[in-house]
Protein backbone atom coordinates (compact mmCIF):
# COMPACT_ATOMS: atom_id res chain seq x y z
CA UNK A 1 -15.79 -9.93 38.03
CA UNK A 2 -17.63 -6.96 36.72
CA UNK A 3 -18.73 -7.16 33.00
CA UNK A 4 -17.43 -4.74 30.49
CA UNK A 5 -19.37 -2.85 27.82
CA UNK A 6 -19.34 -2.83 24.15
CA UNK A 7 -16.27 -3.57 22.06
CA UNK A 8 -16.79 -3.76 18.39
CA UNK A 9 -14.26 -6.09 16.86
CA UNK A 10 -13.82 -8.31 13.83
CA UNK A 11 -15.34 -11.73 13.29
CA UNK A 12 -12.07 -13.47 13.80
CA UNK A 13 -12.39 -13.34 17.70
CA UNK A 14 -14.21 -16.10 19.13
CA UNK A 15 -17.54 -15.49 20.85
CA UNK A 16 -17.59 -16.41 24.61
CA UNK A 17 -20.31 -17.56 27.06
CA UNK A 18 -22.79 -14.87 28.05
CA UNK A 19 -21.46 -14.17 31.51
CA UNK A 20 -18.85 -11.77 32.53
CA UNK A 21 -18.41 -10.24 29.02
CA UNK A 22 -17.47 -6.88 27.76
CA UNK A 23 -19.23 -5.62 24.47
CA UNK A 24 -16.97 -4.11 21.94
CA UNK A 25 -17.14 -2.79 18.43
CA UNK A 26 -15.02 -3.33 15.37
CA UNK A 27 -15.06 -1.61 12.07
CA UNK A 28 -14.62 -3.64 8.84
CA UNK A 29 -11.94 -1.76 6.84
CA UNK A 30 -13.35 -0.17 3.62
CA UNK A 31 -16.90 -0.51 4.81
CA UNK A 32 -17.24 2.69 7.07
CA UNK A 33 -20.90 2.13 8.15
CA UNK A 34 -20.36 -1.59 9.17
CA UNK A 35 -19.64 -2.32 12.68
CA UNK A 36 -19.96 -5.71 14.51
CA UNK A 37 -20.60 -5.93 18.28
CA UNK A 38 -18.87 -8.83 19.95
CA UNK A 39 -18.36 -9.74 23.60
CA UNK A 40 -15.18 -10.59 25.41
CA UNK A 41 -14.25 -11.40 29.05
CA UNK A 42 -12.46 -8.65 30.88
CA UNK A 43 -9.64 -10.95 31.84
CA UNK A 44 -8.99 -11.86 28.13
CA UNK A 45 -7.91 -8.33 27.11
CA UNK A 46 -5.09 -6.06 28.06
CA UNK A 47 -4.02 -2.56 26.88
CA UNK A 48 -0.34 -2.73 26.25
CA UNK A 49 0.91 0.65 24.71
CA UNK A 50 -0.06 3.75 22.66
CA UNK A 51 -0.42 3.53 19.12
CA UNK A 52 2.68 5.10 17.38
CA UNK A 53 3.81 5.77 13.82
CA UNK A 54 4.08 8.52 11.16
CA UNK A 55 0.38 8.32 10.47
CA UNK A 56 -0.80 8.98 14.02
CA UNK A 57 -1.34 12.69 13.54
CA UNK A 58 -3.41 12.09 10.41
CA UNK A 59 -5.49 9.45 12.28
CA UNK A 60 -6.13 11.93 15.18
CA UNK A 61 -7.09 14.61 12.86
CA UNK A 62 -9.46 12.24 10.90
CA UNK A 63 -11.16 11.02 14.13
CA UNK A 64 -11.51 14.30 15.96
CA UNK A 65 -14.23 15.92 13.78
CA UNK A 66 -16.24 12.79 13.77
CA UNK A 67 -16.16 12.60 17.56
CA UNK A 68 -16.68 16.27 18.02
CA UNK A 69 -20.27 15.78 16.43
CA UNK A 70 -21.30 13.80 19.57
CA UNK A 71 -21.99 15.77 22.79
CA UNK A 72 -21.90 12.66 24.75
CA UNK A 73 -18.19 12.11 24.08
CA UNK A 74 -15.70 13.96 26.27
CA UNK A 75 -12.39 12.46 24.81
CA UNK A 76 -10.72 9.52 23.45
CA UNK A 77 -7.45 7.52 23.43
CA UNK A 78 -5.61 5.39 20.98
CA UNK A 79 -4.02 2.41 22.74
CA UNK A 80 -3.10 -1.00 21.43
CA UNK A 81 -5.35 -3.85 22.61
CA UNK A 82 -3.99 -7.33 23.13
CA UNK A 83 -6.39 -10.20 23.15
CA UNK A 84 -5.13 -13.36 24.99
CA UNK A 85 -6.38 -15.55 22.00
CA UNK A 86 -4.27 -13.60 19.52
CA UNK A 87 -0.56 -13.14 18.94
CA UNK A 88 -0.43 -9.55 17.96
CA UNK A 89 -2.18 -6.40 19.50
CA UNK A 90 -4.85 -4.70 17.58
CA UNK A 91 -5.36 -0.86 17.11
CA UNK A 92 -8.04 0.40 19.53
CA UNK A 93 -10.11 3.57 20.08
CA UNK A 94 -11.33 4.01 23.71
CA UNK A 95 -14.09 6.66 23.90
CA UNK A 96 -14.67 8.47 27.14
CA UNK A 97 -18.33 9.35 27.61
CA UNK A 98 -19.72 12.12 29.73
CA UNK A 99 -22.54 9.88 31.00
CA UNK A 100 -23.81 6.42 30.12
CA UNK A 101 -25.05 5.97 26.64
CA UNK A 102 -27.66 3.75 25.10
CA UNK A 103 -26.55 0.72 23.04
CA UNK A 104 -27.93 2.28 19.92
CA UNK A 105 -26.11 5.51 20.39
CA UNK A 106 -22.80 3.59 20.97
CA UNK A 107 -23.31 1.84 17.78
CA UNK A 108 -24.01 5.05 15.95
CA UNK A 109 -20.69 6.62 17.33
CA UNK A 110 -18.74 3.49 16.52
CA UNK A 111 -20.07 3.59 12.98
CA UNK A 112 -19.03 7.21 12.59
CA UNK A 113 -15.37 6.26 13.61
CA UNK A 114 -15.23 3.27 11.22
CA UNK A 115 -13.40 3.12 7.91
CA UNK A 116 -10.22 4.91 8.73
CA UNK A 117 -7.95 2.00 9.94
CA UNK A 118 -8.93 -1.39 11.21
CA UNK A 119 -9.47 -0.85 14.94
CA UNK A 120 -11.45 -2.11 17.76
CA UNK A 121 -13.76 0.63 19.60
CA UNK A 122 -14.80 0.44 23.33
CA UNK A 123 -16.32 2.77 25.73
CA UNK A 124 -14.80 3.75 29.01
CA UNK A 125 -17.81 3.39 31.22
CA UNK A 126 -18.15 -0.25 30.12
CA UNK A 127 -14.59 -1.09 31.24
CA UNK A 128 -13.23 -1.78 34.82
CA UNK A 129 -11.52 1.26 36.32
CA UNK A 130 -8.18 -0.41 36.37
CA UNK A 131 -8.22 -0.87 32.51
CA UNK A 132 -9.37 2.74 31.90
CA UNK A 133 -6.60 3.88 34.24
CA UNK A 134 -3.88 2.05 32.42
CA UNK A 135 -4.90 3.53 29.23
CA UNK A 136 -4.96 7.12 30.47
CA UNK A 137 -1.54 6.61 31.95
CA UNK A 138 -0.06 5.02 28.69
CA UNK A 139 -1.74 7.34 26.28
CA UNK A 140 -2.22 11.01 25.14
CA UNK A 141 -5.75 12.01 24.89
CA UNK A 142 -7.06 12.67 21.39
CA UNK A 143 -8.46 16.13 22.22
CA UNK A 144 -6.07 18.46 24.02
CA UNK A 145 -7.18 21.71 25.77
CA UNK A 146 -5.40 25.06 25.64
CA UNK A 147 -3.27 24.62 22.66
CA UNK A 148 -2.12 27.47 20.40
CA UNK A 149 -0.96 27.43 16.72
CA UNK A 150 2.73 28.21 15.82
CA UNK A 151 4.42 28.81 12.54
CA UNK A 152 7.81 27.08 12.62
CA UNK A 153 10.13 28.19 9.60
CA UNK A 154 12.90 25.55 9.44
CA UNK A 155 16.03 25.92 7.49
CA UNK A 156 16.61 22.57 5.87
CA UNK A 157 18.74 20.71 3.30
CA UNK A 158 17.38 18.40 0.83
CA UNK A 159 17.40 14.83 2.05
CA UNK A 160 17.12 11.68 -0.05
CA UNK A 161 13.26 11.63 0.28
CA UNK A 162 12.49 15.22 0.43
CA UNK A 163 10.53 17.27 -2.19
CA UNK A 164 12.89 20.13 -2.20
CA UNK A 165 14.87 20.62 -5.59
CA UNK A 166 18.20 18.81 -5.13
CA UNK A 167 19.95 21.92 -6.60
CA UNK A 168 19.03 24.01 -3.63
CA UNK A 169 21.73 23.88 -0.96
CA UNK A 170 19.05 25.10 1.72
CA UNK A 171 15.56 26.11 1.85
CA UNK A 172 12.90 27.15 4.39
CA UNK A 173 10.21 24.68 5.12
CA UNK A 174 7.15 26.10 6.95
CA UNK A 175 5.39 24.05 9.45
CA UNK A 176 2.33 25.00 11.24
CA UNK A 177 1.97 23.08 14.55
CA UNK A 178 -0.49 23.04 17.42
CA UNK A 179 1.26 22.78 20.78
CA UNK A 180 1.26 24.07 24.35
CA UNK A 181 4.35 26.18 23.86
CA UNK A 182 6.62 27.14 21.04
CA UNK A 183 9.38 24.82 22.34
CA UNK A 184 6.92 21.94 21.98
CA UNK A 185 5.97 23.14 18.43
CA UNK A 186 9.44 23.25 17.40
CA UNK A 187 10.33 19.87 18.47
CA UNK A 188 7.33 18.52 16.63
CA UNK A 189 8.04 20.48 13.44
CA UNK A 190 11.69 19.32 13.38
CA UNK A 191 10.64 15.73 13.82
CA UNK A 192 7.96 16.10 11.06
CA UNK A 193 10.50 17.72 8.74
CA UNK A 194 12.87 14.75 9.28
CA UNK A 195 10.19 12.32 8.71
CA UNK A 196 9.40 14.09 5.35
CA UNK A 197 12.96 13.58 4.38
CA UNK A 198 14.56 16.95 5.29
CA UNK A 199 17.73 17.62 6.98
CA UNK A 200 17.28 20.19 9.73
CA UNK A 201 19.86 22.93 9.94
CA UNK A 202 18.41 25.80 11.93
CA UNK A 203 15.25 27.84 12.77
CA UNK A 204 14.97 30.54 10.16
CA UNK A 205 15.80 34.00 11.64
CA UNK A 206 15.56 32.39 15.12
CA UNK A 207 11.86 32.82 15.37
CA UNK A 208 8.92 30.53 15.94
CA UNK A 209 5.68 32.71 15.74
CA UNK A 210 2.35 32.16 17.54
CA UNK A 211 -0.55 32.99 15.26
CA UNK A 212 -4.31 33.26 15.75
CA UNK A 213 -5.76 30.05 14.50
CA UNK A 214 -9.27 31.53 14.32
CA UNK A 215 -7.97 33.92 11.50
CA UNK A 216 -5.97 31.17 9.63
CA UNK A 217 -7.68 31.33 6.31
CA UNK A 218 -8.52 35.04 6.03
CA UNK A 219 -5.35 36.52 7.72
CA UNK A 220 -2.68 33.93 7.25
CA UNK A 221 -3.43 32.03 3.96
CA UNK A 222 -5.19 34.69 1.93
CA UNK A 223 -2.73 37.46 2.83
CA UNK A 224 0.54 35.64 3.20
CA UNK A 225 0.31 32.40 1.29
CA UNK A 226 -2.45 32.96 -1.29
CA UNK A 227 -0.39 31.43 -4.13
CA UNK A 228 -0.15 28.17 -2.12
CA UNK A 229 -3.77 28.27 -0.94
CA UNK A 230 -4.67 25.10 -2.71
CA UNK A 231 -2.04 23.13 -0.91
CA UNK A 232 -2.73 24.49 2.63
CA UNK A 233 -5.26 23.27 5.07
CA UNK A 234 -8.68 24.74 5.35
CA UNK A 235 -9.93 26.76 8.37
CA UNK A 236 -11.78 23.45 9.68
CA UNK A 237 -8.68 21.38 9.42
CA UNK A 238 -6.67 23.90 11.26
CA UNK A 239 -9.35 24.04 14.00
CA UNK A 240 -9.15 20.24 14.33
CA UNK A 241 -5.34 20.34 14.42
CA UNK A 242 -5.46 22.80 17.29
CA UNK A 243 -7.79 20.42 19.23
CA UNK A 244 -5.71 17.51 18.62
CA UNK A 245 -1.99 18.82 18.71
CA UNK A 246 -1.67 18.27 14.83
CA UNK A 247 0.79 19.71 12.40
CA UNK A 248 0.74 20.64 8.71
CA UNK A 249 3.55 21.12 6.25
CA UNK A 250 3.43 24.46 4.57
CA UNK A 251 5.34 25.82 1.57
CA UNK A 252 9.07 25.17 1.05
CA UNK A 253 10.79 28.28 -0.37
CA UNK A 254 14.20 28.89 -1.57
CA UNK A 255 16.97 28.54 -2.36
CA UNK A 256 18.44 30.50 0.60
CA UNK A 257 21.68 31.15 2.37
CA UNK A 258 21.81 31.54 6.11
CA UNK A 259 21.07 35.07 7.25
CA UNK A 260 19.22 36.11 4.18
CA UNK A 261 15.85 37.94 4.61
CA UNK A 262 12.55 36.30 4.31
C-alpha cells in the first residue's frame, strides 16, 4: 500500500511502525505556532463528511488569508477525519498543493493554520488518490472562483434571540453575501438571518443588489454606511469573503412597515 504524507495530529494518537505510514500535522489549541508531526497508516483513516455548523463561514474566512500567503497551495477542504482507533471524528484541513512541497515548507504552512480550532492537517499529494477523491466529492473547496458580492436587504421580525429592538414590529436587516448568483446569495442571507435569531418576512423592495466588492470600503461603507463603519468588515475581510463564499451581517434599520421607502 502506498504511504501517505504528513498529517499533523495530537499526541493522543498512537505512533505506528515505520512502514506504510502517512505523515500528518495537528495544531495544539491556543498554541498557534505549535504543530506536531505524527504518522498513521492509510487504512487507519477515513474521511466521513464535511465540517458543518454555524461557525463554518468564520473558519473559512479565518483560514483563507493564511493560506493565500503561500503560492504553493492551490485550494483546501474541511472534512471530518475518522481514525480507526478513536470513537469520534476529528476536524481536518486538507491542503491541495500545486506541486510537491518540502517537509519544512509543509510544517511552516501547517503552523500558519494552527490556533483557530483543534484540527488535523494533511496534504493532498501525500494521500492516495481515492482518499483525495472522496474529500473533493464530499466537501466544498475553501477557495471558490468567480463569486460576486451581493447586498441582501431582508425584512425581518425580532425573534427570541435577535438584536433588533423588541418594540419594532419589523426592520430591515442588511446582509452582504459572496455567491455565484443572487439566488444563492439570498438563500445564504436568509439562513444566516434565521441563525442570528430573526424571523424572515420578505426581501425589502424585492431587490438583491450586486455590488463591486473592490470598491467596498470607499464606495459602499464610506458613502452609504459611514455611521456604521466601525461595525462593518474591512476591505480585506470582504475580499476574503468573496474568495470563500462568506457572508457578513450589516446594519439593521427600522422600524418599518412593508412598502415603506428605504
